[in-house]
Amino acid sequence: MTPNAASAASGTSRRSFLASTAAATAAVAGGMPLLAACGGSDSGSREGTTSGKNAGKILPAYVAGSVVAPDIPSKNGSAIGFTGKLDLAGLKTSVPKKLGRGGKVTVMSPFWGSPPKNDNAYYRAMNDLIGVDVRWQNQDGNTYEQKLGAVLASSDVPDVVVVPGWNMNGKIPSAVIGKFADLGPYLSGDAVKDYPNLAAIPTDAWQRSLFGGKLRGLPMPASYVPNIVPLYRKDIFDKEGYEIPRSADEFLALAKEITNAKAKRWACLDMKWTAFQAFGVLSGGEKPLGWNLVDGKLINRIETEEFLEALEWTRKLFAAGVVHPDARLGKSQATDPGPKFAAGEFLIYANDISQWWSRAAEQAKQNPAFRIWGMDVFGHDGGRPTLWATQPANIFAFVNKKASEPVVRDVLALANVTAAPYGTKEYMLTNYGVEGTHYTVKDGTPVKTDQGNIDVMNAYVMVASPAATIAHPDFPDVARGQVEWQQRMGAFTRKSSFYGMQITEPGRYTSLGNDFEQLEDDIVRGRKKIGDMQQAVSDWKSKGGDELRDWYKKILDENGPAN
């Protein structure tokens, strides 16, 4: 998982890095109106989305945090940023008294790596701060969906269950509605003010936490701006005098200039994700998948010319021989790109924004000249790109429907600590553990010890998080670069018609689009043709795509679009 280097990145970075890692190994605030469900918000429907008529009764009040002021405020939907050194003596307190009531709470969550023993120094310190005896049932993140399905189908459900958005498949969305509690009585409206750090979570993230007409999820908020960045070796670009491309044609020309197969240097890995951005293709990574209202007609991303053009351009890169052989063999999403990127075997790859910092941290000592940076996304024709907003939350913690009120209160006390903002004592303990045991501070930068890298892993951070934040006291230039990249790209980012909605599709449609990603990869590698995609889209329409369109259109007709 996370490299053994000092940094801090809450909300956005943790969420997106966990998400990208899970996908690879297996596979902002705003207040837009709450949208209504087919059948009404109180119907308990397991399909559709949630009603806008009761928005004031469901969503928590938003109260911006005032404990810590960021160095870089949010702009155009970006995360907030911190670039200064940490002053441990000056850390603020966001939870002045224990809210936990001393009960025991069991939490099941995905975990990447080897889970520590339950009775370790980090867990003891966190539980003492919260006032709750949290017991972890960590499960292998790579096979979590199977375990999740089995647990939710049983009668033995832990007090808290973390469910990432990428695991919301099959019967799991329906099980979420049937198995987990309505947190509205504890958090809706002004009730959330009992938990100030939860009150500071942006409204969009809470809206995304509405399942079956009720507030069921505790969210991990995300930035509005797409998280996939074209990352490149700035040190080599500067040395060779390469210019940053401003169009699809310029990128291809540069890629040809960079590539020298005899010298074991290629321009890039698979750039399909960047192609989708450059050609303005609707986001397809989070449900609802790629739907938008265009000139009064509801269309899916796979039906657009932009989608086909993005595939064709990516195909040209492969055909030109500028893509690293690992990616041509389909290995780019299953292996760590770090070592060969560091070795200069390729100079550009598209991945999660969290890798901007993680690659810099990996190479800081062994290769001081190494410098990674993020390219601005270009419009394919050299103009302004059209980017599509990511969902405002995609990892959620749920409370067992059978939990007593004291247990629910203890869970919220836990979440109120884990959602503490950067620059607070609670944040430091949640993310770094106990000073001297789990980390030391050198020149204002926290550095995890060996014990810290064992104990302080992906546990408490999965319960709830503060508003999207980027902070790297060890690499302040990277933190500023990341936030400013988001701010620039945020100016080109639009909301789709279903932005922020938590939609549960009818079960008969859940596997309808399962084969498209593999077909995309086959097309760009030359194993299939564009015509094969066109045929697949035609088949998709006849096998249920047009029916699904009508189902989504009914939601828009009854409630109106988000954009």
Protein backbone atom coordinates (compact mmCIF):
# COMPACT_ATOMS: atom_id res chain seq x y z
CA MET A 1 0.00 0.00 0.00
CA THR A 2 1.33 3.37 1.05
CA PRO A 3 5.08 3.85 0.63
CA ASN A 4 7.15 4.10 3.80
CA ALA A 5 7.67 7.80 3.52
CA ALA A 6 6.32 10.69 5.52
CA SER A 7 3.27 12.45 4.28
CA ALA A 8 -0.27 13.34 5.10
CA ALA A 9 -3.18 13.22 2.75
CA SER A 10 -6.71 12.89 3.99
CA GLY A 11 -10.06 12.48 2.30
CA THR A 12 -9.32 12.68 -1.39
CA SER A 13 -5.90 11.15 -1.43
CA ARG A 14 -6.65 8.29 0.93
CA ARG A 15 -9.88 7.48 -0.78
CA SER A 16 -8.53 7.59 -4.30
CA PHE A 17 -5.28 5.81 -3.53
CA LEU A 18 -7.13 2.98 -1.78
CA ALA A 19 -9.52 2.81 -4.68
CA SER A 20 -6.85 2.74 -7.36
CA THR A 21 -4.87 0.12 -5.47
CA ALA A 22 -7.86 -2.16 -5.08
CA ALA A 23 -8.77 -1.80 -8.74
CA ALA A 24 -5.23 -2.50 -9.86
CA THR A 25 -4.76 -5.58 -7.73
CA ALA A 26 -8.16 -6.98 -8.58
CA ALA A 27 -8.93 -5.72 -11.77
CA VAL A 28 -16.93 20.45 -3.33
CA ALA A 29 -18.93 21.13 -1.08
CA GLY A 30 -21.98 22.31 -2.73
CA GLY A 31 -25.58 21.70 -1.88
CA MET A 32 -27.26 20.80 -5.07
CA PRO A 33 -30.93 19.93 -4.58
CA LEU A 34 -31.59 16.42 -3.35
CA LEU A 35 -33.29 14.41 -6.07
CA ALA A 36 -36.36 12.28 -5.70
CA ALA A 37 -36.81 8.56 -5.99
CA CYS A 38 -39.18 6.51 -8.01
CA GLY A 39 -41.84 5.67 -5.46
CA GLY A 40 -40.93 8.39 -2.95
CA SER A 41 -38.30 8.69 -0.26
CA ASP A 42 -40.25 6.91 2.45
CA SER A 43 -41.17 3.91 0.36
CA GLY A 44 -38.06 1.94 1.32
CA SER A 45 -37.55 1.23 -2.36
CA ARG A 46 -34.41 -0.71 -3.18
CA GLU A 47 -34.20 0.84 -6.61
CA GLY A 48 -33.82 4.41 -7.81
CA THR A 49 -32.54 7.38 -5.86
CA THR A 50 -33.71 9.60 -3.02
CA SER A 51 -36.49 12.20 -2.80
CA GLY A 52 -35.84 15.92 -2.82
CA LYS A 53 -39.07 16.73 -0.98
CA ASN A 54 -37.61 15.67 2.34
CA ALA A 55 -34.11 16.98 1.76
CA GLY A 56 -34.22 19.31 4.74
CA LYS A 57 -35.26 16.44 6.97
CA ILE A 58 -32.62 13.99 5.73
CA LEU A 59 -29.35 15.81 5.10
CA PRO A 60 -27.14 17.03 7.96
CA ALA A 61 -26.67 20.75 8.34
CA TYR A 62 -23.35 21.93 6.93
CA VAL A 63 -21.15 23.84 9.36
CA ALA A 64 -17.73 24.65 7.95
CA GLY A 65 -14.87 23.76 10.25
CA SER A 66 -12.98 26.65 11.81
CA VAL A 67 -10.38 24.81 13.87
CA VAL A 68 -7.67 24.92 11.18
CA ALA A 69 -7.32 27.24 8.16
CA PRO A 70 -5.75 25.70 5.02
CA ASP A 71 -2.75 27.25 3.27
CA ILE A 72 -4.56 26.83 -0.06
CA PRO A 73 -8.37 27.17 0.06
CA SER A 74 -10.57 25.09 -2.19
CA LYS A 75 -11.24 26.56 -5.63
CA ASN A 76 -13.20 25.12 -8.57
CA GLY A 77 -13.98 22.04 -6.50
CA SER A 78 -10.38 21.29 -5.54
CA ALA A 79 -9.21 19.82 -2.27
CA ILE A 80 -7.87 22.21 0.34
CA GLY A 81 -4.10 22.22 0.66
CA PHE A 82 -1.44 22.49 3.35
CA THR A 83 2.16 23.26 2.46
CA GLY A 84 3.75 24.19 5.79
CA LYS A 85 5.77 22.12 8.22
CA LEU A 86 3.95 20.52 11.12
CA ASP A 87 4.27 22.11 14.52
CA LEU A 88 3.22 19.35 16.90
CA ALA A 89 3.15 21.76 19.80
CA GLY A 90 0.69 23.91 17.88
CA LEU A 91 -1.75 21.18 16.86
CA LYS A 92 -5.38 22.11 17.46
CA THR A 93 -8.00 20.09 19.33
CA SER A 94 -11.20 19.39 17.42
CA VAL A 95 -12.70 16.90 19.91
CA PRO A 96 -12.37 18.55 23.34
CA LYS A 97 -14.04 15.70 25.23
CA LYS A 98 -14.68 12.02 24.70
CA LEU A 99 -18.02 11.40 23.07
CA GLY A 100 -17.79 7.62 23.29
CA ARG A 101 -19.70 5.87 26.03
CA GLY A 102 -17.26 3.04 26.62
CA GLY A 103 -19.04 0.34 24.64
CA LYS A 104 -17.59 -2.23 22.26
CA VAL A 105 -17.98 -1.76 18.51
CA THR A 106 -16.99 -4.32 15.86
CA VAL A 107 -15.93 -2.97 12.46
CA MET A 108 -15.44 -5.00 9.26
CA SER A 109 -13.34 -3.25 6.64
CA PRO A 110 -11.16 -4.06 3.64
CA PHE A 111 -7.45 -4.15 4.40
CA TRP A 112 -4.50 -4.25 2.04
CA GLY A 113 -1.45 -5.86 3.61
CA SER A 114 -1.03 -7.85 6.82
CA PRO A 115 -3.43 -6.65 9.55
CA PRO A 116 -1.80 -5.90 12.90
CA LYS A 117 -2.83 -7.58 16.13
CA ASN A 118 -6.02 -6.11 17.53
CA ASP A 119 -4.43 -5.13 20.85
CA ASN A 120 -1.65 -2.94 19.47
CA ALA A 121 -0.48 0.45 20.74
CA TYR A 122 -2.17 2.37 17.91
CA TYR A 123 -5.57 0.76 18.42
CA ARG A 124 -5.33 1.26 22.20
CA ALA A 125 -4.49 4.95 21.81
CA MET A 126 -7.31 5.55 19.32
CA ASN A 127 -9.85 3.75 21.44
CA ASP A 128 -8.81 5.71 24.52
CA LEU A 129 -9.20 9.00 22.64
CA ILE A 130 -12.61 8.03 21.27
CA GLY A 131 -13.93 6.41 24.42
CA VAL A 132 -14.96 3.26 22.52
CA ASP A 133 -13.54 -0.26 22.41
CA VAL A 134 -13.27 -0.69 18.63
CA ARG A 135 -12.59 -4.26 17.53
CA TRP A 136 -11.44 -4.72 13.93
CA GLN A 137 -12.48 -7.53 11.63
CA ASN A 138 -10.09 -6.68 8.80
CA GLN A 139 -10.61 -8.58 5.56
CA ASP A 140 -8.39 -8.96 2.49
CA GLY A 141 -9.18 -5.98 0.27
CA ASN A 142 -8.48 -7.99 -2.88
CA THR A 143 -11.27 -10.49 -2.17
CA TYR A 144 -13.46 -8.22 -0.07
CA GLU A 145 -16.51 -8.31 -2.29
CA GLN A 146 -16.93 -12.06 -1.87
CA LYS A 147 -16.56 -11.81 1.91
CA LEU A 148 -18.91 -8.84 2.00
CA GLY A 149 -21.58 -10.70 0.08
CA ALA A 150 -21.38 -13.68 2.40
CA VAL A 151 -21.55 -11.57 5.57
CA LEU A 152 -24.48 -9.49 4.36
CA ALA A 153 -26.34 -12.64 3.40
CA SER A 154 -25.95 -13.97 6.93
CA SER A 155 -27.53 -13.01 10.23
CA ASP A 156 -24.13 -12.28 11.78
CA VAL A 157 -23.37 -8.72 10.63
CA PRO A 158 -20.79 -6.63 12.56
CA ASP A 159 -21.80 -3.34 14.16
CA VAL A 160 -20.09 -1.39 11.36
CA VAL A 161 -19.34 -2.52 7.80
CA VAL A 162 -17.26 -0.49 5.34
CA VAL A 163 -18.40 -0.80 1.72
CA PRO A 164 -16.33 0.75 -1.10
CA GLY A 165 -18.28 1.90 -4.13
CA TRP A 166 -16.45 -0.53 -6.40
CA ASN A 167 -17.94 -3.38 -4.35
CA MET A 168 -21.54 -2.15 -4.79
CA ASN A 169 -22.40 -4.95 -7.19
CA GLY A 170 -24.94 -7.73 -7.43
CA LYS A 171 -27.16 -7.97 -4.36
CA ILE A 172 -24.93 -5.80 -2.16
CA PRO A 173 -26.75 -2.46 -2.81
CA SER A 174 -30.06 -4.06 -1.84
CA ALA A 175 -28.45 -5.62 1.24
CA VAL A 176 -27.15 -2.19 2.27
CA ILE A 177 -30.71 -0.90 2.37
CA GLY A 178 -32.03 -3.95 4.16
CA LYS A 179 -29.26 -4.49 6.72
CA PHE A 180 -28.10 -1.04 7.80
CA ALA A 181 -29.52 1.65 10.04
CA ASP A 182 -31.03 5.02 9.26
CA LEU A 183 -28.64 7.56 10.81
CA GLY A 184 -31.02 10.43 10.15
CA PRO A 185 -32.35 10.62 13.72
CA TYR A 186 -28.77 11.20 14.89
CA LEU A 187 -27.39 13.37 12.09
CA SER A 188 -30.11 15.03 10.01
CA GLY A 189 -30.42 18.80 10.21
CA ASP A 190 -28.98 20.39 13.34
CA ALA A 191 -28.57 17.01 15.08
CA VAL A 192 -25.19 16.64 13.38
CA LYS A 193 -23.88 19.61 15.38
CA ASP A 194 -23.31 17.21 18.28
CA TYR A 195 -20.46 15.92 16.07
CA PRO A 196 -18.71 19.05 14.68
CA ASN A 197 -16.24 17.19 12.47
CA LEU A 198 -19.11 15.33 10.80
CA ALA A 199 -20.97 18.63 10.38
CA ALA A 200 -17.99 19.93 8.39
CA ILE A 201 -18.30 17.16 5.80
CA PRO A 202 -19.60 18.72 2.54
CA THR A 203 -23.28 18.30 1.73
CA ASP A 204 -22.56 16.57 -1.59
CA ALA A 205 -20.78 13.75 0.23
CA TRP A 206 -23.74 13.26 2.56
CA GLN A 207 -26.12 13.25 -0.37
CA ARG A 208 -24.10 10.45 -1.90
CA SER A 209 -24.63 8.57 1.39
CA LEU A 210 -28.40 8.32 0.97
CA PHE A 211 -29.51 4.75 0.30
CA GLY A 212 -33.13 3.71 -0.04
CA GLY A 213 -34.47 7.07 1.07
CA LYS A 214 -32.47 7.16 4.30
CA LEU A 215 -29.14 8.55 5.47
CA ARG A 216 -27.28 5.28 5.98
CA GLY A 217 -23.64 5.94 5.10
CA LEU A 218 -20.76 7.73 6.79
CA PRO A 219 -18.78 9.05 3.80
CA MET A 220 -15.18 9.49 2.79
CA PRO A 221 -15.48 12.80 0.85
CA ALA A 222 -13.73 13.33 -2.48
CA SER A 223 -12.75 16.29 -4.58
CA TYR A 224 -15.07 17.39 -7.39
CA VAL A 225 -12.19 17.23 -9.89
CA PRO A 226 -11.34 14.02 -11.80
CA ASN A 227 -8.56 12.18 -10.00
CA ILE A 228 -6.74 10.70 -13.01
CA VAL A 229 -3.63 12.73 -13.88
CA PRO A 230 -1.21 12.31 -16.81
CA LEU A 231 1.97 12.00 -14.73
CA TYR A 232 5.35 12.57 -16.35
CA ARG A 233 9.09 12.67 -15.67
CA LYS A 234 9.65 16.41 -15.44
CA ASP A 235 13.40 16.00 -14.84
CA ILE A 236 13.86 14.17 -18.14
CA PHE A 237 11.48 16.50 -19.99
CA ASP A 238 13.52 19.48 -18.78
CA LYS A 239 16.83 17.84 -19.69
CA GLU A 240 15.70 16.81 -23.19
CA GLY A 241 13.72 19.98 -23.88
CA TYR A 242 10.43 18.17 -24.45
CA GLU A 243 7.38 20.44 -24.62
CA ILE A 244 4.16 19.57 -22.82
CA PRO A 245 1.62 18.54 -25.49
CA ARG A 246 -1.49 20.66 -25.95
CA SER A 247 -3.47 18.40 -28.28
CA ALA A 248 -3.86 14.74 -29.23
CA ASP A 249 -1.71 15.23 -32.34
CA GLU A 250 1.04 16.93 -30.32
CA PHE A 251 1.01 14.09 -27.82
CA LEU A 252 1.47 11.48 -30.56
CA ALA A 253 4.28 13.48 -32.15
CA LEU A 254 6.04 13.86 -28.80
CA ALA A 255 5.56 10.17 -28.05
CA LYS A 256 7.30 9.24 -31.29
CA GLU A 257 10.14 11.63 -30.47
CA ILE A 258 10.64 10.09 -27.02
CA THR A 259 10.44 6.44 -28.03
CA ASN A 260 13.65 4.50 -28.72
CA ALA A 261 12.96 0.80 -28.31
CA LYS A 262 16.63 -0.16 -28.76
CA ALA A 263 17.50 2.06 -25.79
CA LYS A 264 14.60 0.56 -23.79
CA ARG A 265 12.69 3.81 -23.66
CA TRP A 266 9.05 4.26 -24.59
CA ALA A 267 6.86 7.29 -24.26
CA CYS A 268 4.02 6.01 -22.12
CA LEU A 269 1.79 3.32 -20.74
CA ASP A 270 -1.85 2.82 -21.78
CA MET A 271 -3.24 6.38 -22.04
CA LYS A 272 -6.91 5.37 -22.41
CA TRP A 273 -7.97 7.25 -19.29
CA THR A 274 -6.31 10.44 -20.53
CA ALA A 275 -7.92 9.91 -23.92
CA PHE A 276 -11.35 9.81 -22.31
CA GLN A 277 -10.57 13.11 -20.62
CA ALA A 278 -9.10 14.76 -23.72
CA PHE A 279 -12.10 13.79 -25.86
CA GLY A 280 -14.66 14.76 -23.19
CA VAL A 281 -16.02 11.27 -22.60
CA LEU A 282 -18.42 10.93 -19.69
CA SER A 283 -17.03 9.29 -16.58
CA GLY A 284 -17.57 5.55 -16.49
CA GLY A 285 -15.92 4.54 -13.24
CA GLU A 286 -18.69 5.09 -10.71
CA LYS A 287 -22.42 4.40 -10.73
CA PRO A 288 -24.48 5.69 -12.41
CA LEU A 289 -22.18 4.70 -15.23
CA GLY A 290 -21.82 7.28 -17.96
CA TRP A 291 -25.35 8.65 -18.39
CA ASN A 292 -26.08 12.27 -19.25
CA LEU A 293 -28.92 14.32 -20.70
CA VAL A 294 -27.85 15.92 -24.00
CA ASP A 295 -30.27 18.13 -25.95
CA GLY A 296 -33.20 16.47 -24.22
CA LYS A 297 -32.00 12.93 -24.94
CA LEU A 298 -30.48 10.61 -22.36
CA ILE A 299 -27.34 8.99 -23.74
CA ASN A 300 -24.65 6.70 -22.38
CA ARG A 301 -20.93 7.33 -22.87
CA ILE A 302 -20.58 4.21 -25.02
CA GLU A 303 -23.03 5.64 -27.55
CA THR A 304 -21.03 8.81 -28.23
CA GLU A 305 -18.62 9.64 -31.04
CA GLU A 306 -16.21 10.99 -28.42
CA PHE A 307 -15.97 7.52 -26.86
CA LEU A 308 -15.03 5.90 -30.18
CA GLU A 309 -12.61 8.72 -31.04
CA ALA A 310 -10.83 8.30 -27.69
CA LEU A 311 -10.41 4.57 -28.33
CA GLU A 312 -9.16 5.21 -31.85
CA TRP A 313 -6.55 7.73 -30.65
CA THR A 314 -5.33 5.36 -27.96
CA ARG A 315 -5.16 2.63 -30.57
CA LYS A 316 -2.91 4.88 -32.67
CA LEU A 317 -0.45 5.14 -29.76
CA PHE A 318 -0.20 1.37 -29.51
CA ALA A 319 0.07 0.98 -33.29
CA ALA A 320 2.87 3.56 -33.41
CA GLY A 321 4.93 1.49 -30.95
CA VAL A 322 5.22 4.29 -28.40
CA VAL A 323 3.57 2.32 -25.57
CA HIS A 324 5.74 0.30 -23.20
CA PRO A 325 5.62 -3.47 -23.96
CA ASP A 326 4.18 -4.24 -20.52
CA ALA A 327 1.09 -2.19 -21.37
CA ARG A 328 0.84 -3.75 -24.82
CA LEU A 329 0.59 -7.12 -23.08
CA GLY A 330 -2.10 -5.77 -20.81
CA LYS A 331 0.04 -5.68 -17.68
CA SER A 332 -0.08 -1.97 -16.96
CA GLN A 333 -3.03 -2.15 -14.56
CA ALA A 334 -1.88 -5.30 -12.79
CA THR A 335 1.72 -4.44 -11.96
CA ASP A 336 3.35 -1.56 -10.14
CA PRO A 337 4.49 1.02 -12.73
CA GLY A 338 6.84 2.68 -10.23
CA PRO A 339 10.16 0.85 -10.83
CA LYS A 340 10.16 1.15 -14.63
CA PHE A 341 8.93 4.74 -14.46
CA ALA A 342 11.79 5.51 -12.09
CA ALA A 343 14.21 3.74 -14.43
CA GLY A 344 13.08 5.92 -17.33
CA GLU A 345 11.68 3.05 -19.40
CA PHE A 346 8.61 5.21 -20.00
CA LEU A 347 8.08 8.89 -19.23
CA ILE A 348 4.30 9.34 -19.04
CA TYR A 349 1.47 7.38 -17.48
CA ALA A 350 -2.07 8.15 -16.35
CA ASN A 351 -3.01 7.24 -12.82
CA ASP A 352 -4.51 8.46 -9.57
CA ILE A 353 -3.33 11.84 -8.29
CA SER A 354 -2.03 10.17 -5.11
CA GLN A 355 0.83 8.67 -7.11
CA TRP A 356 2.21 12.14 -7.71
CA TRP A 357 3.34 12.16 -4.10
CA SER A 358 4.00 8.44 -3.63
CA ARG A 359 6.44 8.25 -6.55
CA ALA A 360 8.25 11.38 -5.35
CA ALA A 361 8.54 9.90 -1.87
CA GLU A 362 9.82 6.56 -3.15
CA GLN A 363 12.65 8.14 -5.11
CA ALA A 364 13.60 10.99 -2.76
CA LYS A 365 16.69 9.30 -1.33
CA GLN A 366 17.76 6.85 -4.00
CA ASN A 367 17.33 9.20 -6.98
CA PRO A 368 17.45 12.87 -5.87
CA ALA A 369 17.24 14.12 -9.48
CA PHE A 370 13.91 12.33 -10.01
CA ARG A 371 11.01 14.75 -10.43
CA ILE A 372 7.45 13.71 -11.21
CA TRP A 373 4.78 16.21 -12.21
CA GLY A 374 1.26 16.31 -13.60
CA MET A 375 0.38 17.47 -17.09
CA ASP A 376 -2.70 19.60 -17.57
CA VAL A 377 -5.31 17.64 -19.50
CA PHE A 378 -5.48 18.93 -23.06
CA GLY A 379 -8.47 19.15 -25.35
CA HIS A 380 -7.97 16.68 -28.20
CA ASP A 381 -8.13 19.47 -30.76
CA GLY A 382 -5.95 21.88 -28.78
CA GLY A 383 -8.88 23.67 -27.18
CA ARG A 384 -10.28 23.57 -23.66
CA PRO A 385 -10.98 20.07 -22.37
CA THR A 386 -14.35 19.01 -21.06
CA LEU A 387 -13.93 17.03 -17.84
CA TRP A 388 -16.66 15.33 -15.85
CA ALA A 389 -16.93 15.59 -12.09
CA THR A 390 -16.21 12.55 -9.97
CA GLN A 391 -18.73 11.44 -7.39
CA PRO A 392 -18.37 13.32 -4.08
CA ALA A 393 -17.92 10.11 -2.04
CA ASN A 394 -17.36 6.49 -2.94
CA ILE A 395 -16.44 4.70 0.29
CA PHE A 396 -18.99 4.39 3.09
CA ALA A 397 -19.26 2.96 6.59
CA PHE A 398 -22.66 1.58 7.60
CA VAL A 399 -24.13 0.76 11.02
CA ASN A 400 -26.00 -2.47 11.66
CA LYS A 401 -29.75 -1.98 11.65
CA LYS A 402 -29.97 -4.00 14.87
CA ALA A 403 -27.50 -1.77 16.73
CA SER A 404 -28.79 -0.17 19.93
CA GLU A 405 -28.73 3.60 20.36
CA PRO A 406 -25.63 3.46 22.62
CA VAL A 407 -23.77 1.52 19.92
CA VAL A 408 -24.83 4.01 17.22
CA ARG A 409 -23.67 6.90 19.43
CA ASP A 410 -20.32 5.18 19.95
CA VAL A 411 -19.93 4.71 16.20
CA LEU A 412 -20.63 8.41 15.62
CA ALA A 413 -18.09 9.29 18.32
CA LEU A 414 -15.58 7.17 16.41
CA ALA A 415 -16.44 8.86 13.10
CA ASN A 416 -16.21 12.32 14.66
CA VAL A 417 -12.57 11.59 15.55
CA THR A 418 -11.57 10.03 12.23
CA ALA A 419 -13.17 12.98 10.38
CA ALA A 420 -10.96 15.48 12.24
CA PRO A 421 -9.21 17.94 9.90
CA TYR A 422 -5.52 18.08 9.12
CA GLY A 423 -3.59 20.09 11.69
CA THR A 424 -5.39 18.61 14.69
CA LYS A 425 -4.29 16.18 17.38
CA GLU A 426 -7.02 13.78 16.37
CA TYR A 427 -5.88 13.77 12.75
CA MET A 428 -2.30 13.05 13.75
CA LEU A 429 -3.27 10.12 15.93
CA THR A 430 -5.66 8.70 13.33
CA ASN A 431 -3.14 8.93 10.50
CA TYR A 432 0.22 8.50 12.26
CA GLY A 433 -0.35 6.89 15.64
CA VAL A 434 1.59 7.64 18.79
CA GLU A 435 4.62 9.94 18.56
CA GLY A 436 7.80 8.08 19.43
CA THR A 437 6.20 4.68 18.88
CA HIS A 438 4.68 4.99 15.42
CA TYR A 439 6.38 8.08 14.07
CA THR A 440 9.05 10.65 14.74
CA VAL A 441 9.21 14.24 13.56
CA LYS A 442 12.20 15.50 11.60
CA ASP A 443 12.26 19.12 10.48
CA GLY A 444 8.50 19.44 10.80
CA THR A 445 7.83 16.23 8.88
CA PRO A 446 6.33 13.10 10.49
CA VAL A 447 8.17 9.91 9.55
CA LYS A 448 6.64 6.56 10.37
CA THR A 449 8.74 4.05 12.27
CA ASP A 450 8.82 0.35 11.42
CA GLN A 451 6.14 -0.20 14.05
CA GLY A 452 4.07 2.60 12.55
CA ASN A 453 4.16 0.89 9.18
CA ILE A 454 2.82 -2.26 10.83
CA ASP A 455 0.13 -0.80 13.11
CA VAL A 456 -1.03 2.42 11.46
CA MET A 457 -2.51 1.17 8.25
CA ASN A 458 -5.90 1.37 6.55
CA ALA A 459 -8.25 0.88 9.50
CA TYR A 460 -9.69 3.93 11.28
CA VAL A 461 -9.36 6.11 8.18
CA MET A 462 -12.02 3.97 6.50
CA VAL A 463 -14.82 4.95 8.90
CA ALA A 464 -15.20 8.64 7.93
CA SER A 465 -12.93 11.41 6.68
CA PRO A 466 -12.74 15.20 6.61
CA ALA A 467 -13.37 17.28 3.50
CA ALA A 468 -10.93 16.48 0.70
CA THR A 469 -7.45 17.55 1.79
CA ILE A 470 -3.95 17.35 0.33
CA ALA A 471 -1.03 17.85 2.69
CA HIS A 472 2.56 16.71 2.30
CA PRO A 473 4.90 18.44 4.77
CA ASP A 474 7.78 16.43 3.30
CA PHE A 475 6.98 17.59 -0.26
CA PRO A 476 5.17 20.94 -0.02
CA ASP A 477 5.84 21.65 -3.71
CA VAL A 478 3.99 18.45 -4.63
CA ALA A 479 1.05 19.35 -2.38
CA ARG A 480 0.82 22.78 -4.00
CA GLY A 481 1.20 21.25 -7.45
CA GLN A 482 -1.60 18.77 -6.82
CA VAL A 483 -4.05 21.34 -5.48
CA GLU A 484 -3.26 23.88 -8.19
CA TRP A 485 -3.66 21.17 -10.85
CA GLN A 486 -7.09 20.43 -9.42
CA GLN A 487 -7.96 24.12 -9.42
CA ARG A 488 -6.97 24.53 -13.08
CA MET A 489 -8.76 21.36 -14.17
CA GLY A 490 -11.75 22.22 -12.00
CA ALA A 491 -12.38 25.20 -14.26
CA PHE A 492 -13.10 22.71 -17.07
CA THR A 493 -15.10 20.25 -14.96
CA ARG A 494 -18.84 19.81 -15.37
CA LYS A 495 -21.45 17.87 -13.44
CA SER A 496 -23.34 15.15 -15.26
CA SER A 497 -27.11 14.87 -14.98
CA PHE A 498 -26.75 12.31 -12.18
CA TYR A 499 -23.90 13.91 -10.24
CA GLY A 500 -24.06 13.15 -6.54
CA MET A 501 -26.96 10.72 -6.74
CA GLN A 502 -26.72 7.37 -5.02
CA ILE A 503 -28.64 5.20 -7.45
CA THR A 504 -29.47 1.54 -7.10
CA GLU A 505 -30.22 -0.02 -10.47
CA PRO A 506 -32.67 -2.88 -10.83
CA GLY A 507 -30.84 -6.18 -10.41
CA ARG A 508 -31.62 -7.29 -13.96
CA TYR A 509 -29.30 -4.60 -15.33
CA THR A 510 -26.31 -4.95 -12.99
CA SER A 511 -24.19 -7.08 -15.33
CA LEU A 512 -25.28 -5.43 -18.57
CA GLY A 513 -22.05 -3.51 -19.15
CA ASN A 514 -19.58 -5.96 -17.63
CA ASP A 515 -17.71 -6.78 -20.85
CA PHE A 516 -17.07 -3.28 -22.11
CA GLU A 517 -13.82 -2.56 -20.27
CA GLN A 518 -12.18 -5.69 -21.66
CA LEU A 519 -13.43 -4.82 -25.14
CA GLU A 520 -11.98 -1.31 -24.79
CA ASP A 521 -8.59 -2.78 -23.90
CA ASP A 522 -8.74 -5.25 -26.77
CA ILE A 523 -9.57 -2.47 -29.25
CA VAL A 524 -6.77 -0.12 -28.23
CA ARG A 525 -4.27 -3.00 -28.41
CA GLY A 526 -5.40 -3.94 -31.89
CA ARG A 527 -6.98 -7.26 -30.95
CA LYS A 528 -10.47 -5.99 -31.83
CA LYS A 529 -11.80 -3.28 -34.11
CA ILE A 530 -13.90 -0.17 -33.57
CA GLY A 531 -16.66 -1.99 -35.44
CA ASP A 532 -16.68 -4.60 -32.67
CA MET A 533 -17.50 -1.86 -30.17
CA GLN A 534 -20.26 -0.52 -32.37
CA GLN A 535 -21.75 -4.01 -32.56
CA ALA A 536 -21.40 -4.45 -28.79
CA VAL A 537 -23.27 -1.19 -28.23
CA SER A 538 -26.04 -2.32 -30.56
CA ASP A 539 -26.29 -5.60 -28.63
CA TRP A 540 -26.26 -3.70 -25.33
CA LYS A 541 -29.22 -1.62 -26.46
CA SER A 542 -31.29 -4.62 -27.48
CA LYS A 543 -30.40 -6.67 -24.40
CA GLY A 544 -31.52 -4.04 -21.94
CA GLY A 545 -29.65 -0.81 -22.57
CA ASP A 546 -32.68 0.96 -24.03
CA GLU A 547 -34.83 -0.28 -21.14
CA LEU A 548 -32.26 0.99 -18.68
CA ARG A 549 -32.28 4.33 -20.48
CA ASP A 550 -36.03 4.56 -19.95
CA TRP A 551 -35.55 3.70 -16.28
CA TYR A 552 -32.99 6.49 -15.80
CA LYS A 553 -35.09 8.89 -17.86
CA LYS A 554 -38.00 8.33 -15.48
CA ILE A 555 -35.80 9.45 -12.60
CA LEU A 556 -34.91 12.65 -14.46
CA ASP A 557 -38.49 13.27 -15.54
CA GLU A 558 -39.71 13.05 -11.96
CA ASN A 559 -36.88 14.97 -10.31
CA GLY A 560 -34.89 16.97 -12.81
CA PRO A 561 -31.18 16.67 -13.65
CA ALA A 562 -28.35 17.70 -11.36
CA ASN A 563 -26.62 19.85 -13.99
